[in-house]
Amino acid sequence: MAEVTDADFEAEVLGADLPVLVEFTADWCPPCRQMGPVLSALAAEEADRFKVVQLDVDHNPLTTNAYKVLSMPTFMVFRGGEPVKSMVGARPKRRLLEELADVV
């Protein structure tokens, strides 16, 4: 799964052709680590429908603050350069897919 930074967020996420699911994450966050395998599976299985990336909040404060991310993990879906959905907290893959159904 790809990682994005403050430096390449605009190109990789806002400028992407497909919708992008961004996980705002941190090394110290156990639920974030729990989501790793789920997001890796989604990235592989859904690559033709949407892109999955991670952004480390500790190393990328500009993007984190710009989208007012306060809790980890926060998931945001971007489509056409705009955030269209935001979800907070770990969840099973099936539930995550259900919640993404209306935006991807």
N, C-alpha and C. Protein backbone atom coordinates (compact mmCIF):
# COMPACT_ATOMS: atom_id res chain seq x y z
N MET A 1 0.84 -1.18 0.00
CA MET A 1 0.00 0.00 0.00
C MET A 1 0.89 1.24 0.00
N ALA A 2 0.51 2.21 -0.80
CA ALA A 2 1.33 3.40 -0.98
C ALA A 2 1.20 4.34 0.23
N GLU A 3 2.29 5.05 0.50
CA GLU A 3 2.27 6.09 1.51
C GLU A 3 2.36 7.43 0.80
N VAL A 4 1.61 8.40 1.31
CA VAL A 4 1.69 9.75 0.77
C VAL A 4 2.19 10.69 1.86
N THR A 5 2.69 11.85 1.44
CA THR A 5 3.24 12.84 2.36
C THR A 5 2.63 14.20 2.06
N ASP A 6 2.96 15.17 2.91
CA ASP A 6 2.53 16.54 2.63
C ASP A 6 3.00 16.96 1.24
N ALA A 7 4.21 16.53 0.87
CA ALA A 7 4.81 16.97 -0.39
C ALA A 7 4.08 16.43 -1.62
N ASP A 8 3.60 15.18 -1.56
CA ASP A 8 2.98 14.60 -2.77
C ASP A 8 1.48 14.36 -2.64
N PHE A 9 0.85 14.84 -1.56
CA PHE A 9 -0.58 14.61 -1.36
C PHE A 9 -1.41 15.16 -2.51
N GLU A 10 -1.08 16.36 -2.94
CA GLU A 10 -1.87 16.98 -4.01
C GLU A 10 -1.81 16.15 -5.29
N ALA A 11 -0.61 15.70 -5.66
CA ALA A 11 -0.46 14.92 -6.90
C ALA A 11 -1.07 13.53 -6.77
N GLU A 12 -0.79 12.85 -5.65
CA GLU A 12 -1.20 11.45 -5.48
C GLU A 12 -2.68 11.28 -5.12
N VAL A 13 -3.24 12.23 -4.39
CA VAL A 13 -4.62 12.09 -3.90
C VAL A 13 -5.56 13.04 -4.62
N LEU A 14 -5.29 14.33 -4.53
CA LEU A 14 -6.21 15.31 -5.11
C LEU A 14 -6.23 15.24 -6.63
N GLY A 15 -5.11 14.85 -7.24
CA GLY A 15 -5.04 14.79 -8.69
C GLY A 15 -5.27 13.40 -9.27
N ALA A 16 -5.65 12.45 -8.43
CA ALA A 16 -5.83 11.07 -8.90
C ALA A 16 -7.06 10.93 -9.79
N ASP A 17 -6.97 10.02 -10.77
CA ASP A 17 -8.11 9.74 -11.66
C ASP A 17 -9.20 8.96 -10.95
N LEU A 18 -8.79 8.02 -10.08
CA LEU A 18 -9.74 7.20 -9.33
C LEU A 18 -10.03 7.85 -7.98
N PRO A 19 -11.15 7.47 -7.34
CA PRO A 19 -11.34 7.88 -5.94
C PRO A 19 -10.18 7.33 -5.10
N VAL A 20 -9.83 8.04 -4.04
CA VAL A 20 -8.71 7.62 -3.19
C VAL A 20 -9.19 7.52 -1.74
N LEU A 21 -8.94 6.35 -1.11
CA LEU A 21 -9.19 6.15 0.30
C LEU A 21 -7.88 6.44 1.03
N VAL A 22 -7.87 7.46 1.87
CA VAL A 22 -6.68 7.83 2.63
C VAL A 22 -6.88 7.41 4.08
N GLU A 23 -5.92 6.66 4.61
CA GLU A 23 -5.93 6.36 6.04
C GLU A 23 -4.94 7.30 6.70
N PHE A 24 -5.43 8.16 7.58
CA PHE A 24 -4.57 8.99 8.41
C PHE A 24 -4.18 8.11 9.59
N THR A 25 -2.88 7.83 9.72
CA THR A 25 -2.41 6.81 10.64
C THR A 25 -1.23 7.30 11.45
N ALA A 26 -0.83 6.51 12.44
CA ALA A 26 0.36 6.82 13.25
C ALA A 26 0.97 5.51 13.74
N ASP A 27 2.29 5.52 13.90
CA ASP A 27 2.99 4.31 14.36
C ASP A 27 2.53 3.86 15.74
N TRP A 28 2.14 4.81 16.59
CA TRP A 28 1.78 4.51 17.97
C TRP A 28 0.32 4.09 18.13
N CYS A 29 -0.41 3.93 17.03
CA CYS A 29 -1.86 3.69 17.06
C CYS A 29 -2.18 2.21 16.81
N PRO A 30 -2.53 1.44 17.87
CA PRO A 30 -2.84 0.01 17.67
C PRO A 30 -3.98 -0.24 16.68
N PRO A 31 -5.11 0.51 16.71
CA PRO A 31 -6.15 0.25 15.72
C PRO A 31 -5.68 0.50 14.29
N CYS A 32 -4.73 1.43 14.13
CA CYS A 32 -4.18 1.70 12.79
C CYS A 32 -3.41 0.47 12.29
N ARG A 33 -2.61 -0.10 13.18
CA ARG A 33 -1.85 -1.31 12.80
C ARG A 33 -2.80 -2.46 12.49
N GLN A 34 -3.90 -2.53 13.22
CA GLN A 34 -4.91 -3.57 13.00
C GLN A 34 -5.51 -3.43 11.60
N MET A 35 -5.62 -2.21 11.10
CA MET A 35 -6.23 -1.96 9.78
C MET A 35 -5.27 -2.26 8.63
N GLY A 36 -3.98 -2.40 8.90
CA GLY A 36 -2.99 -2.62 7.86
C GLY A 36 -3.34 -3.75 6.89
N PRO A 37 -3.56 -4.96 7.41
CA PRO A 37 -3.89 -6.08 6.50
C PRO A 37 -5.20 -5.86 5.73
N VAL A 38 -6.18 -5.23 6.38
CA VAL A 38 -7.47 -4.95 5.72
C VAL A 38 -7.25 -4.01 4.54
N LEU A 39 -6.49 -2.94 4.78
CA LEU A 39 -6.26 -1.96 3.73
C LEU A 39 -5.39 -2.52 2.62
N SER A 40 -4.41 -3.35 2.97
CA SER A 40 -3.57 -3.98 1.94
C SER A 40 -4.42 -4.87 1.04
N ALA A 41 -5.34 -5.63 1.64
CA ALA A 41 -6.23 -6.50 0.86
C ALA A 41 -7.13 -5.66 -0.05
N LEU A 42 -7.68 -4.57 0.50
CA LEU A 42 -8.54 -3.70 -0.31
C LEU A 42 -7.75 -3.09 -1.47
N ALA A 43 -6.53 -2.66 -1.19
CA ALA A 43 -5.70 -2.04 -2.23
C ALA A 43 -5.49 -3.00 -3.39
N ALA A 44 -5.30 -4.28 -3.07
CA ALA A 44 -5.07 -5.29 -4.11
C ALA A 44 -6.37 -5.65 -4.83
N GLU A 45 -7.43 -5.86 -4.07
CA GLU A 45 -8.69 -6.36 -4.63
C GLU A 45 -9.48 -5.29 -5.39
N GLU A 46 -9.34 -4.04 -4.99
CA GLU A 46 -10.18 -2.97 -5.54
C GLU A 46 -9.39 -1.97 -6.37
N ALA A 47 -8.19 -2.36 -6.82
CA ALA A 47 -7.29 -1.43 -7.51
C ALA A 47 -7.92 -0.80 -8.75
N ASP A 48 -8.88 -1.49 -9.38
CA ASP A 48 -9.51 -0.93 -10.57
C ASP A 48 -10.62 0.08 -10.23
N ARG A 49 -11.10 0.05 -8.97
CA ARG A 49 -12.19 0.95 -8.56
C ARG A 49 -11.72 2.16 -7.75
N PHE A 50 -10.74 1.95 -6.87
CA PHE A 50 -10.21 3.06 -6.09
C PHE A 50 -8.80 2.75 -5.60
N LYS A 51 -8.12 3.80 -5.18
CA LYS A 51 -6.74 3.72 -4.72
C LYS A 51 -6.75 3.81 -3.19
N VAL A 52 -5.83 3.10 -2.53
CA VAL A 52 -5.72 3.14 -1.08
C VAL A 52 -4.32 3.62 -0.71
N VAL A 53 -4.26 4.66 0.13
CA VAL A 53 -2.96 5.19 0.57
C VAL A 53 -3.01 5.48 2.07
N GLN A 54 -1.82 5.59 2.66
CA GLN A 54 -1.70 5.96 4.06
C GLN A 54 -0.93 7.26 4.18
N LEU A 55 -1.28 8.05 5.21
CA LEU A 55 -0.55 9.26 5.51
C LEU A 55 -0.24 9.25 7.01
N ASP A 56 1.05 9.32 7.36
CA ASP A 56 1.48 9.33 8.76
C ASP A 56 1.27 10.73 9.32
N VAL A 57 0.38 10.84 10.31
CA VAL A 57 0.02 12.15 10.83
C VAL A 57 1.17 12.85 11.54
N ASP A 58 2.07 12.07 12.15
CA ASP A 58 3.19 12.67 12.88
C ASP A 58 4.22 13.30 11.95
N HIS A 59 4.34 12.77 10.76
CA HIS A 59 5.35 13.27 9.82
C HIS A 59 4.76 14.22 8.78
N ASN A 60 3.44 14.38 8.76
CA ASN A 60 2.78 15.19 7.74
C ASN A 60 1.71 16.10 8.36
N PRO A 61 2.15 17.05 9.19
CA PRO A 61 1.18 17.88 9.92
C PRO A 61 0.37 18.82 9.03
N LEU A 62 0.90 19.24 7.91
CA LEU A 62 0.18 20.19 7.06
C LEU A 62 -1.13 19.60 6.55
N THR A 63 -1.04 18.39 5.98
CA THR A 63 -2.24 17.73 5.45
C THR A 63 -3.17 17.33 6.59
N THR A 64 -2.60 16.81 7.66
CA THR A 64 -3.41 16.39 8.82
C THR A 64 -4.23 17.56 9.35
N ASN A 65 -3.59 18.72 9.51
CA ASN A 65 -4.29 19.89 10.03
C ASN A 65 -5.26 20.48 9.01
N ALA A 66 -4.90 20.43 7.73
CA ALA A 66 -5.77 20.98 6.69
C ALA A 66 -7.14 20.28 6.68
N TYR A 67 -7.15 18.98 7.00
CA TYR A 67 -8.41 18.23 6.99
C TYR A 67 -8.93 17.97 8.41
N LYS A 68 -8.35 18.69 9.38
CA LYS A 68 -8.82 18.65 10.77
C LYS A 68 -8.93 17.23 11.32
N VAL A 69 -7.91 16.43 11.05
CA VAL A 69 -7.88 15.06 11.54
C VAL A 69 -7.40 15.06 12.99
N LEU A 70 -8.23 14.54 13.89
CA LEU A 70 -7.91 14.53 15.32
C LEU A 70 -7.76 13.13 15.88
N SER A 71 -8.42 12.15 15.29
CA SER A 71 -8.40 10.78 15.80
C SER A 71 -7.80 9.84 14.78
N MET A 72 -7.13 8.81 15.26
CA MET A 72 -6.56 7.81 14.38
C MET A 72 -7.20 6.45 14.67
N PRO A 73 -7.45 5.64 13.66
CA PRO A 73 -7.33 6.01 12.25
C PRO A 73 -8.56 6.80 11.78
N THR A 74 -8.30 7.78 10.93
CA THR A 74 -9.37 8.47 10.21
C THR A 74 -9.24 8.08 8.75
N PHE A 75 -10.35 7.71 8.16
CA PHE A 75 -10.38 7.37 6.73
C PHE A 75 -11.12 8.47 6.00
N MET A 76 -10.53 8.96 4.92
CA MET A 76 -11.22 9.94 4.08
C MET A 76 -11.18 9.46 2.65
N VAL A 77 -12.31 9.62 1.99
CA VAL A 77 -12.38 9.31 0.56
C VAL A 77 -12.36 10.64 -0.20
N PHE A 78 -11.43 10.72 -1.15
CA PHE A 78 -11.32 11.91 -2.00
C PHE A 78 -11.72 11.52 -3.41
N ARG A 79 -12.55 12.35 -4.02
CA ARG A 79 -12.96 12.13 -5.40
C ARG A 79 -12.96 13.48 -6.10
N GLY A 80 -12.28 13.55 -7.22
CA GLY A 80 -12.20 14.81 -7.95
C GLY A 80 -11.53 15.92 -7.16
N GLY A 81 -10.58 15.54 -6.29
CA GLY A 81 -9.85 16.53 -5.51
C GLY A 81 -10.55 17.02 -4.26
N GLU A 82 -11.71 16.45 -3.96
CA GLU A 82 -12.49 16.89 -2.79
C GLU A 82 -12.76 15.72 -1.85
N PRO A 83 -12.75 15.98 -0.53
CA PRO A 83 -13.15 14.93 0.41
C PRO A 83 -14.66 14.71 0.32
N VAL A 84 -15.08 13.47 0.11
CA VAL A 84 -16.51 13.18 -0.03
C VAL A 84 -17.06 12.32 1.11
N LYS A 85 -16.15 11.75 1.91
CA LYS A 85 -16.61 10.94 3.05
C LYS A 85 -15.50 10.86 4.07
N SER A 86 -15.86 10.83 5.34
CA SER A 86 -14.90 10.69 6.42
C SER A 86 -15.43 9.70 7.44
N MET A 87 -14.56 8.80 7.91
CA MET A 87 -14.94 7.79 8.89
C MET A 87 -13.81 7.70 9.92
N VAL A 88 -14.16 7.50 11.18
CA VAL A 88 -13.15 7.41 12.23
C VAL A 88 -13.24 6.05 12.91
N GLY A 89 -12.08 5.41 13.11
CA GLY A 89 -12.02 4.16 13.86
C GLY A 89 -11.85 2.94 12.99
N ALA A 90 -11.25 1.92 13.59
CA ALA A 90 -11.03 0.65 12.89
C ALA A 90 -12.38 -0.03 12.65
N ARG A 91 -12.43 -0.79 11.56
CA ARG A 91 -13.65 -1.54 11.24
C ARG A 91 -13.28 -2.74 10.38
N PRO A 92 -14.12 -3.78 10.38
CA PRO A 92 -13.85 -4.94 9.54
C PRO A 92 -13.95 -4.58 8.06
N LYS A 93 -13.29 -5.36 7.23
CA LYS A 93 -13.25 -5.10 5.79
C LYS A 93 -14.65 -5.02 5.19
N ARG A 94 -15.52 -5.94 5.56
CA ARG A 94 -16.88 -5.95 5.00
C ARG A 94 -17.60 -4.64 5.30
N ARG A 95 -17.50 -4.17 6.54
CA ARG A 95 -18.18 -2.93 6.92
C ARG A 95 -17.56 -1.73 6.20
N LEU A 96 -16.24 -1.73 6.07
CA LEU A 96 -15.56 -0.64 5.37
C LEU A 96 -16.04 -0.57 3.92
N LEU A 97 -16.13 -1.73 3.27
CA LEU A 97 -16.63 -1.76 1.88
C LEU A 97 -18.06 -1.26 1.79
N GLU A 98 -18.90 -1.64 2.76
CA GLU A 98 -20.29 -1.17 2.76
C GLU A 98 -20.34 0.36 2.88
N GLU A 99 -19.49 0.90 3.74
CA GLU A 99 -19.48 2.35 3.95
C GLU A 99 -18.91 3.10 2.75
N LEU A 100 -18.08 2.42 1.96
CA LEU A 100 -17.50 3.05 0.78
C LEU A 100 -18.40 2.95 -0.45
N ALA A 101 -19.41 2.09 -0.40
CA ALA A 101 -20.21 1.77 -1.57
C ALA A 101 -20.82 2.99 -2.26
N ASP A 102 -21.21 3.98 -1.49
CA ASP A 102 -21.87 5.13 -2.09
C ASP A 102 -20.91 6.20 -2.64
N VAL A 103 -19.61 6.02 -2.42
CA VAL A 103 -18.66 7.06 -2.87
C VAL A 103 -17.58 6.56 -3.83
N VAL A 104 -17.51 5.26 -4.07
CA VAL A 104 -16.50 4.76 -5.02
C VAL A 104 -17.16 4.06 -6.20
